[in-house]
Amino acid sequence: MLPKVKKIQRLMKELGVDVLLAQSPENFAYVSGFSSHQHTVSRHPQFAAAFVLPEGKSTLIGMDFETPSFNHEDFHVLSFTTWVGNRTQEELHNLHFKKEMITLLDHLDHLIQSSHLSASRIGVELDYLPQSYFELMNKRWPQAEFVNVSQDFIKARMIKEVDEIQWFKTLISISDHALNVVANTLQEGMSELDLYHIYTTEVMKSNVAYPSTWSSFGSGVNGGKLGYSSDKIITSRDVVKFDGGVHGGTSFYTTDFSRSWLMSEVDPWLVEVKRNLMEAHELMLRAMKPGLSFKELFNIGYQHTLAKYPFYVRGHLGHSISMGPQTAEVPFISSNQEGVLEEGMILSVENPMYITGYNGFNIEDMVLVTRDGIEILTPLTPHYLPSEAKYR
């Protein structure tokens, strides 16, 4: 992915922040276009950081044996000393050479002190930083005003740029294709794990994505709860629900959509529930366009289902999505979400109903908000199996 540092610099000016530190793995990748290896594995801020100024080149700090992989063209790059013991050939031949041990925090301290920013407004990801590490930063710069930019990062990621949209389309098509293979294979007598293995095998064939860890198939009583695919056998009385997606390799981008299919002898009440949820879903999709408020969009779907099922309660009917680690990000399609749909947003629009101990539904598509409406990004996998024709 291309670095998004210019977008973050514009954000800094809006926030009145003098320097911004991208210290989480996903936001380091967002700023730099590079996913730091050990940083990603450990999720600890001591392994990589981006030091961003409102203008000019920013600085990436990383391990001495990883920084040669960084994008040097758009950034200054600094290396800190690690346990690996990297040496140049020249240093290897110098028997008396001793390498000074420099930490990532030492580099940050030098950058802040040399830029006369120790008493400035410093943007940091307080929702991510361990308290112990933040205390070390406080000791280094006791006069600084720390500004929590965690949610501002997520808001910056709401509107996708061209390269992100293309990458999302690639990832979503992989998940959509894999689930469509399941749809064409599903039969009563198979287990949830059978379906899961078909889905994950198809995803892995892409060589560019892997299944999200929470992807799962639930049937019957398992469809009414949050859980992983089990060895439960699918019966004629079940609704089969999929919810999940894929991760984009080391790029952090993720997808999320759902399907719910009726088996051959389900309770007629379940047929009516699915019909209602599909109607609500289609009403929402038809209404979506730039300028429509999230509150209005929520009410279109929610009020349709509530009118038929007065017990229905939902906090939201969809969400934004980008790099995680959470799948659902603001803005949410909910009754208390401020703001309106904007061109370039990618949203998961969902109409669920979960009945504990009985069955469950989630009707969900991923969509791109365009200039005049939307583009549905999950068109391949059917909402109805051919065997459901008798229900329609």
Protein backbone atom coordinates (compact mmCIF):
# COMPACT_ATOMS: atom_id res chain seq x y z
CA MET A 1 0.00 0.00 0.00
CA LEU A 2 1.10 3.58 -0.59
CA PRO A 3 2.11 5.68 2.44
CA LYS A 4 -0.70 7.85 3.80
CA VAL A 5 1.63 10.29 5.58
CA LYS A 6 0.30 13.34 3.68
CA LYS A 7 -3.23 12.55 4.82
CA ILE A 8 -2.03 12.32 8.42
CA GLN A 9 -0.14 15.61 8.08
CA ARG A 10 -3.38 17.31 7.03
CA LEU A 11 -5.07 15.76 10.06
CA MET A 12 -2.34 17.12 12.33
CA LYS A 13 -2.98 20.66 11.15
CA GLU A 14 -6.70 20.26 11.89
CA LEU A 15 -5.91 18.97 15.39
CA GLY A 16 -3.23 21.56 16.11
CA VAL A 17 -0.70 18.83 16.88
CA ASP A 18 3.01 19.69 16.57
CA VAL A 19 4.28 16.14 16.18
CA LEU A 20 2.47 12.82 15.83
CA LEU A 21 3.76 9.38 16.78
CA ALA A 22 2.28 6.42 14.89
CA GLN A 23 3.11 3.59 17.26
CA SER A 24 0.53 0.84 16.67
CA PRO A 25 1.42 -1.72 13.97
CA GLU A 26 -1.60 -0.83 11.82
CA ASN A 27 -1.09 2.93 11.94
CA PHE A 28 2.65 2.62 11.43
CA ALA A 29 1.75 0.67 8.27
CA TYR A 30 -0.87 3.27 7.32
CA VAL A 31 1.65 6.10 7.56
CA SER A 32 4.64 4.29 6.05
CA GLY A 33 3.16 1.73 3.65
CA PHE A 34 5.30 -0.90 5.40
CA SER A 35 4.29 -3.55 7.94
CA SER A 36 6.96 -3.97 10.57
CA HIS A 37 7.51 -7.66 11.33
CA GLN A 38 8.35 -7.91 15.05
CA HIS A 39 6.13 -4.92 15.75
CA THR A 40 3.18 -6.81 14.26
CA VAL A 41 3.99 -10.03 16.11
CA SER A 42 4.50 -8.42 19.53
CA ARG A 43 2.16 -5.41 19.26
CA HIS A 44 4.62 -3.49 21.44
CA PRO A 45 5.63 0.13 20.68
CA GLN A 46 9.33 -0.51 21.31
CA PHE A 47 9.75 -2.14 17.87
CA ALA A 48 8.72 0.55 15.38
CA ALA A 49 7.35 4.10 15.23
CA ALA A 50 6.73 6.87 12.74
CA PHE A 51 7.69 10.40 13.81
CA VAL A 52 5.45 12.69 11.76
CA LEU A 53 5.82 16.46 11.44
CA PRO A 54 3.11 18.67 9.89
CA GLU A 55 5.32 19.33 6.87
CA GLY A 56 8.34 17.82 5.15
CA LYS A 57 9.79 14.36 5.49
CA SER A 58 8.82 12.24 8.44
CA THR A 59 11.04 9.67 10.14
CA LEU A 60 10.61 5.93 10.48
CA ILE A 61 12.37 4.20 13.37
CA GLY A 62 12.89 0.47 13.37
CA MET A 63 15.16 -2.43 14.22
CA ASP A 64 18.64 -2.38 12.71
CA PHE A 65 18.03 -5.60 10.79
CA GLU A 66 14.61 -4.50 9.48
CA THR A 67 15.09 -0.87 8.43
CA PRO A 68 16.83 -1.86 5.15
CA SER A 69 13.34 -3.04 4.11
CA PHE A 70 11.68 0.30 4.87
CA ASN A 71 10.60 2.77 2.21
CA HIS A 72 13.55 5.17 2.22
CA GLU A 73 12.30 7.40 -0.58
CA ASP A 74 9.55 9.21 1.34
CA PHE A 75 11.07 9.11 4.81
CA HIS A 76 14.16 9.57 6.89
CA VAL A 77 15.04 6.24 8.51
CA LEU A 78 16.71 5.59 11.86
CA SER A 79 17.77 2.22 13.27
CA PHE A 80 17.95 1.18 16.89
CA THR A 81 20.17 -1.57 18.24
CA THR A 82 18.71 -5.05 18.69
CA TRP A 83 19.76 -8.38 20.18
CA VAL A 84 20.35 -9.71 16.67
CA GLY A 85 23.78 -8.11 16.49
CA ASN A 86 23.75 -6.79 12.93
CA ARG A 87 27.14 -5.61 11.70
CA THR A 88 28.49 -4.26 8.44
CA GLN A 89 31.39 -6.02 6.77
CA GLU A 90 33.65 -3.14 7.79
CA GLU A 91 32.59 -3.48 11.42
CA LEU A 92 33.18 -7.24 11.34
CA HIS A 93 36.82 -6.68 10.39
CA ASN A 94 37.31 -4.14 13.18
CA LEU A 95 38.04 -6.37 16.16
CA HIS A 96 37.74 -3.50 18.62
CA PHE A 97 34.44 -2.10 17.29
CA LYS A 98 31.74 -1.66 19.92
CA LYS A 99 28.27 -0.66 18.86
CA GLU A 100 26.44 1.86 21.03
CA MET A 101 23.12 0.53 22.30
CA ILE A 102 20.37 2.91 21.19
CA THR A 103 16.68 2.27 21.83
CA LEU A 104 13.70 3.43 19.83
CA LEU A 105 12.76 5.76 22.69
CA ASP A 106 16.28 7.25 22.57
CA HIS A 107 15.74 8.11 18.91
CA LEU A 108 12.33 9.64 19.63
CA ASP A 109 13.81 11.67 22.44
CA HIS A 110 16.59 12.99 20.22
CA LEU A 111 14.13 13.92 17.45
CA ILE A 112 11.83 15.74 19.87
CA GLN A 113 14.64 17.54 21.72
CA SER A 114 16.50 18.55 18.53
CA SER A 115 13.23 19.85 17.03
CA HIS A 116 12.49 21.82 20.24
CA LEU A 117 9.22 19.98 20.71
CA SER A 118 9.60 18.70 24.28
CA ALA A 119 6.97 21.19 25.51
CA SER A 120 4.70 20.90 22.49
CA ARG A 121 1.44 19.11 21.66
CA ILE A 122 2.39 15.51 20.86
CA GLY A 123 -0.18 13.24 19.23
CA VAL A 124 -0.02 9.68 20.58
CA GLU A 125 -2.19 6.56 20.39
CA LEU A 126 -3.31 6.34 24.01
CA ASP A 127 -5.87 3.64 23.17
CA TYR A 128 -2.95 1.43 22.11
CA LEU A 129 0.04 2.32 24.28
CA PRO A 130 0.77 0.20 27.37
CA GLN A 131 0.62 2.33 30.49
CA SER A 132 4.21 1.43 31.41
CA TYR A 133 5.50 2.70 28.07
CA PHE A 134 3.44 5.88 28.25
CA GLU A 135 4.92 6.54 31.69
CA LEU A 136 8.42 6.32 30.15
CA MET A 137 7.37 8.90 27.55
CA ASN A 138 6.03 11.16 30.29
CA LYS A 139 9.37 10.99 32.10
CA ARG A 140 11.23 11.92 28.91
CA TRP A 141 8.96 14.87 28.05
CA PRO A 142 7.25 16.00 31.28
CA GLN A 143 6.30 19.39 29.80
CA ALA A 144 4.58 17.93 26.74
CA GLU A 145 0.82 17.99 26.23
CA PHE A 146 -0.12 14.53 25.01
CA VAL A 147 -3.11 14.42 22.67
CA ASN A 148 -4.90 11.11 22.10
CA VAL A 149 -5.16 10.66 18.31
CA SER A 150 -6.32 7.02 18.35
CA GLN A 151 -9.85 7.77 17.17
CA ASP A 152 -8.59 10.44 14.77
CA PHE A 153 -6.54 7.79 12.99
CA ILE A 154 -9.66 5.66 12.57
CA LYS A 155 -11.62 8.66 11.28
CA ALA A 156 -8.82 9.37 8.79
CA ARG A 157 -9.15 5.79 7.55
CA MET A 158 -12.92 6.18 6.92
CA ILE A 159 -12.44 7.60 3.42
CA LYS A 160 -10.46 5.17 1.29
CA GLU A 161 -7.95 6.30 -1.32
CA VAL A 162 -7.70 4.76 -4.79
CA ASP A 163 -5.06 2.16 -3.89
CA GLU A 164 -7.03 1.12 -0.80
CA ILE A 165 -10.26 0.73 -2.77
CA GLN A 166 -8.51 -1.48 -5.32
CA TRP A 167 -6.96 -3.61 -2.58
CA PHE A 168 -10.31 -3.94 -0.83
CA LYS A 169 -11.93 -5.06 -4.07
CA THR A 170 -9.24 -7.71 -4.46
CA LEU A 171 -9.67 -8.99 -0.91
CA ILE A 172 -13.46 -8.92 -0.96
CA SER A 173 -13.59 -10.79 -4.27
CA ILE A 174 -11.46 -13.57 -2.74
CA SER A 175 -13.86 -13.96 0.19
CA ASP A 176 -16.91 -13.66 -2.08
CA HIS A 177 -15.58 -16.35 -4.43
CA ALA A 178 -14.75 -18.71 -1.55
CA LEU A 179 -18.20 -18.39 0.02
CA ASN A 180 -19.85 -18.87 -3.36
CA VAL A 181 -18.02 -22.21 -3.67
CA VAL A 182 -19.53 -23.15 -0.30
CA ALA A 183 -22.98 -22.08 -1.49
CA ASN A 184 -22.66 -24.40 -4.49
CA THR A 185 -21.46 -27.29 -2.30
CA LEU A 186 -23.64 -27.04 0.80
CA GLN A 187 -25.84 -30.04 1.52
CA GLU A 188 -27.70 -31.32 4.55
CA GLY A 189 -25.58 -33.92 6.32
CA MET A 190 -22.39 -31.90 6.02
CA SER A 191 -20.86 -30.42 9.16
CA GLU A 192 -20.08 -26.80 9.92
CA LEU A 193 -16.40 -27.70 9.84
CA ASP A 194 -16.82 -29.20 6.37
CA LEU A 195 -18.05 -25.83 5.13
CA TYR A 196 -15.30 -24.00 7.01
CA HIS A 197 -12.60 -26.15 5.40
CA ILE A 198 -14.05 -25.53 1.92
CA TYR A 199 -14.10 -21.78 2.55
CA THR A 200 -10.60 -21.55 4.01
CA THR A 201 -9.11 -23.78 1.31
CA GLU A 202 -10.53 -21.55 -1.42
CA VAL A 203 -9.27 -18.40 0.31
CA MET A 204 -5.74 -19.80 0.66
CA LYS A 205 -5.64 -20.59 -3.07
CA SER A 206 -5.46 -16.83 -3.68
CA ASN A 207 -1.91 -16.62 -2.26
CA VAL A 208 -2.59 -13.01 -1.22
CA ALA A 209 -5.11 -13.37 1.63
CA TYR A 210 -5.90 -15.67 4.50
CA PRO A 211 -9.17 -16.31 6.37
CA SER A 212 -9.96 -14.02 9.25
CA THR A 213 -9.59 -15.92 12.50
CA TRP A 214 -13.21 -15.30 13.49
CA SER A 215 -14.74 -16.56 10.21
CA SER A 216 -17.27 -19.25 11.04
CA PHE A 217 -20.30 -21.24 9.99
CA GLY A 218 -23.08 -21.78 12.50
CA SER A 219 -26.23 -23.86 11.99
CA GLY A 220 -29.38 -24.25 14.04
CA VAL A 221 -28.72 -23.52 17.71
CA ASN A 222 -25.14 -22.53 16.84
CA GLY A 223 -26.42 -19.78 14.57
CA GLY A 224 -27.94 -17.92 17.50
CA LYS A 225 -24.65 -17.38 19.31
CA LEU A 226 -21.13 -16.16 18.65
CA GLY A 227 -18.81 -19.11 18.20
CA TYR A 228 -16.54 -21.03 15.88
CA SER A 229 -17.48 -23.73 13.39
CA SER A 230 -18.06 -27.08 15.07
CA ASP A 231 -18.61 -30.69 14.06
CA LYS A 232 -22.38 -30.20 14.29
CA ILE A 233 -24.19 -31.83 11.37
CA ILE A 234 -26.48 -29.57 9.33
CA THR A 235 -30.09 -30.76 9.36
CA SER A 236 -33.17 -29.94 7.32
CA ARG A 237 -34.49 -27.71 10.14
CA ASP A 238 -31.48 -25.42 10.27
CA VAL A 239 -30.54 -21.97 9.11
CA VAL A 240 -26.88 -22.02 8.06
CA LYS A 241 -25.15 -18.72 8.84
CA PHE A 242 -21.71 -17.61 7.70
CA ASP A 243 -20.01 -14.53 9.12
CA GLY A 244 -16.41 -13.66 8.33
CA GLY A 245 -13.94 -12.56 5.73
CA VAL A 246 -10.25 -12.41 4.95
CA HIS A 247 -7.15 -10.53 6.02
CA GLY A 248 -4.88 -8.98 3.42
CA GLY A 249 -1.60 -10.67 4.23
CA THR A 250 0.58 -8.29 6.23
CA SER A 251 -1.29 -5.16 5.12
CA PHE A 252 -3.82 -5.31 8.03
CA TYR A 253 -6.83 -4.64 5.77
CA THR A 254 -9.76 -6.92 6.51
CA THR A 255 -13.23 -7.75 5.16
CA ASP A 256 -16.57 -8.73 6.71
CA PHE A 257 -19.81 -10.03 5.21
CA SER A 258 -22.47 -12.64 5.95
CA ARG A 259 -25.00 -14.98 4.41
CA SER A 260 -27.86 -17.01 5.95
CA TRP A 261 -29.40 -19.94 4.07
CA LEU A 262 -32.56 -21.94 4.83
CA MET A 263 -32.47 -25.71 4.71
CA SER A 264 -35.33 -27.79 3.27
CA GLU A 265 -37.77 -28.07 6.22
CA VAL A 266 -37.31 -24.99 8.36
CA ASP A 267 -40.00 -23.53 10.57
CA PRO A 268 -42.23 -21.24 8.42
CA TRP A 269 -41.59 -18.49 10.99
CA LEU A 270 -37.90 -18.55 9.97
CA VAL A 271 -38.90 -18.11 6.35
CA GLU A 272 -40.79 -14.96 7.32
CA VAL A 273 -37.87 -13.66 9.38
CA LYS A 274 -35.45 -14.02 6.49
CA ARG A 275 -37.90 -12.39 4.09
CA ASN A 276 -38.27 -9.42 6.43
CA LEU A 277 -34.53 -9.05 7.00
CA MET A 278 -33.88 -9.22 3.26
CA GLU A 279 -36.50 -6.54 2.64
CA ALA A 280 -34.89 -4.30 5.25
CA HIS A 281 -31.47 -4.95 3.75
CA GLU A 282 -32.60 -4.10 0.22
CA LEU A 283 -34.34 -0.92 1.41
CA MET A 284 -31.10 0.22 3.03
CA LEU A 285 -28.98 -0.56 -0.03
CA ARG A 286 -31.37 1.28 -2.36
CA ALA A 287 -31.32 4.37 -0.12
CA MET A 288 -27.54 4.65 0.23
CA LYS A 289 -25.84 7.63 -1.38
CA PRO A 290 -23.55 10.47 -0.30
CA GLY A 291 -25.29 12.89 2.04
CA LEU A 292 -27.64 10.34 3.65
CA SER A 293 -27.13 10.39 7.41
CA PHE A 294 -26.14 7.26 9.29
CA LYS A 295 -29.15 7.78 11.54
CA GLU A 296 -31.53 7.85 8.57
CA LEU A 297 -29.95 4.76 7.06
CA PHE A 298 -30.24 2.89 10.36
CA ASN A 299 -33.90 3.81 10.76
CA ILE A 300 -34.76 2.60 7.24
CA GLY A 301 -33.67 -0.94 8.10
CA TYR A 302 -34.47 -0.99 11.81
CA GLN A 303 -38.00 0.39 11.60
CA HIS A 304 -38.90 -2.07 8.83
CA THR A 305 -38.00 -5.06 11.01
CA LEU A 306 -39.32 -3.50 14.22
CA ALA A 307 -42.76 -2.98 12.64
CA LYS A 308 -43.16 -6.74 12.19
CA TYR A 309 -41.20 -7.90 15.22
CA PRO A 310 -41.72 -5.47 18.14
CA PHE A 311 -39.15 -7.37 20.24
CA TYR A 312 -36.37 -6.54 17.76
CA VAL A 313 -33.40 -4.70 19.30
CA ARG A 314 -30.20 -3.73 17.49
CA GLY A 315 -27.48 -1.25 18.38
CA HIS A 316 -26.31 -0.84 14.78
CA LEU A 317 -26.93 -2.17 11.28
CA GLY A 318 -23.42 -1.91 9.93
CA HIS A 319 -20.07 -0.22 10.24
CA SER A 320 -17.00 1.10 8.55
CA ILE A 321 -14.03 -1.21 8.11
CA SER A 322 -10.34 -0.78 7.35
CA MET A 323 -7.20 -2.07 9.04
CA GLY A 324 -8.24 -3.32 12.45
CA PRO A 325 -7.34 -4.77 14.82
CA GLN A 326 -11.09 -4.42 15.33
CA THR A 327 -13.29 -5.37 12.38
CA ALA A 328 -16.07 -2.88 13.07
CA GLU A 329 -14.93 0.75 13.10
CA VAL A 330 -16.67 4.11 13.25
CA PRO A 331 -18.79 5.35 11.69
CA PHE A 332 -21.51 2.89 12.66
CA ILE A 333 -24.90 2.74 10.99
CA SER A 334 -26.76 3.51 14.21
CA SER A 335 -29.28 5.84 15.77
CA ASN A 336 -26.61 7.87 17.60
CA GLN A 337 -23.93 8.10 14.90
CA GLU A 338 -23.36 11.66 13.71
CA GLY A 339 -22.38 12.40 10.11
CA VAL A 340 -23.37 11.33 6.63
CA LEU A 341 -22.26 8.84 4.00
CA GLU A 342 -19.36 10.12 1.90
CA GLU A 343 -17.88 9.01 -1.38
CA GLY A 344 -14.98 6.62 -0.79
CA MET A 345 -16.37 4.99 2.34
CA ILE A 346 -16.43 1.19 2.47
CA LEU A 347 -19.15 -0.11 4.77
CA SER A 348 -20.46 -3.47 5.91
CA VAL A 349 -24.26 -3.20 5.88
CA GLU A 350 -25.93 -5.88 7.99
CA ASN A 351 -29.39 -6.92 9.12
CA PRO A 352 -29.05 -9.64 11.79
CA MET A 353 -31.40 -11.46 14.12
CA TYR A 354 -30.12 -13.97 16.65
CA ILE A 355 -32.46 -16.32 18.54
CA THR A 356 -30.56 -17.91 21.40
CA GLY A 357 -30.87 -21.70 21.50
CA TYR A 358 -32.76 -21.85 18.20
CA ASN A 359 -31.35 -20.26 15.02
CA GLY A 360 -29.73 -17.09 13.78
CA PHE A 361 -29.46 -14.79 10.77
CA ASN A 362 -27.10 -12.19 9.47
CA ILE A 363 -27.72 -10.58 6.08
CA GLU A 364 -24.62 -8.55 5.26
CA ASP A 365 -22.88 -7.03 2.21
CA MET A 366 -19.83 -4.84 1.78
CA VAL A 367 -20.41 -1.70 -0.26
CA LEU A 368 -18.40 1.19 -1.63
CA VAL A 369 -20.08 4.59 -1.49
CA THR A 370 -19.74 6.20 -4.94
CA ARG A 371 -20.54 9.65 -6.27
CA ASP A 372 -24.18 8.80 -7.03
CA GLY A 373 -24.92 5.75 -4.88
CA ILE A 374 -23.09 2.56 -4.02
CA GLU A 375 -21.24 -0.34 -5.59
CA ILE A 376 -21.98 -3.69 -3.95
CA LEU A 377 -18.63 -5.42 -3.49
CA THR A 378 -20.03 -8.85 -2.56
CA PRO A 379 -22.33 -9.64 -5.52
CA LEU A 380 -21.23 -13.21 -6.28
CA THR A 381 -22.44 -15.24 -3.29
CA PRO A 382 -26.25 -15.61 -3.44
CA HIS A 383 -28.48 -14.66 -0.55
CA TYR A 384 -30.77 -17.56 -1.55
CA LEU A 385 -29.73 -21.07 -2.53
CA PRO A 386 -31.56 -22.67 -5.49
CA SER A 387 -33.17 -25.05 -2.96
CA GLU A 388 -34.82 -22.03 -1.28
CA ALA A 389 -36.97 -21.27 -4.34
CA LYS A 390 -40.03 -22.81 -2.67
CA TYR A 391 -39.74 -20.24 0.12
CA ARG A 392 -39.82 -17.18 -2.12
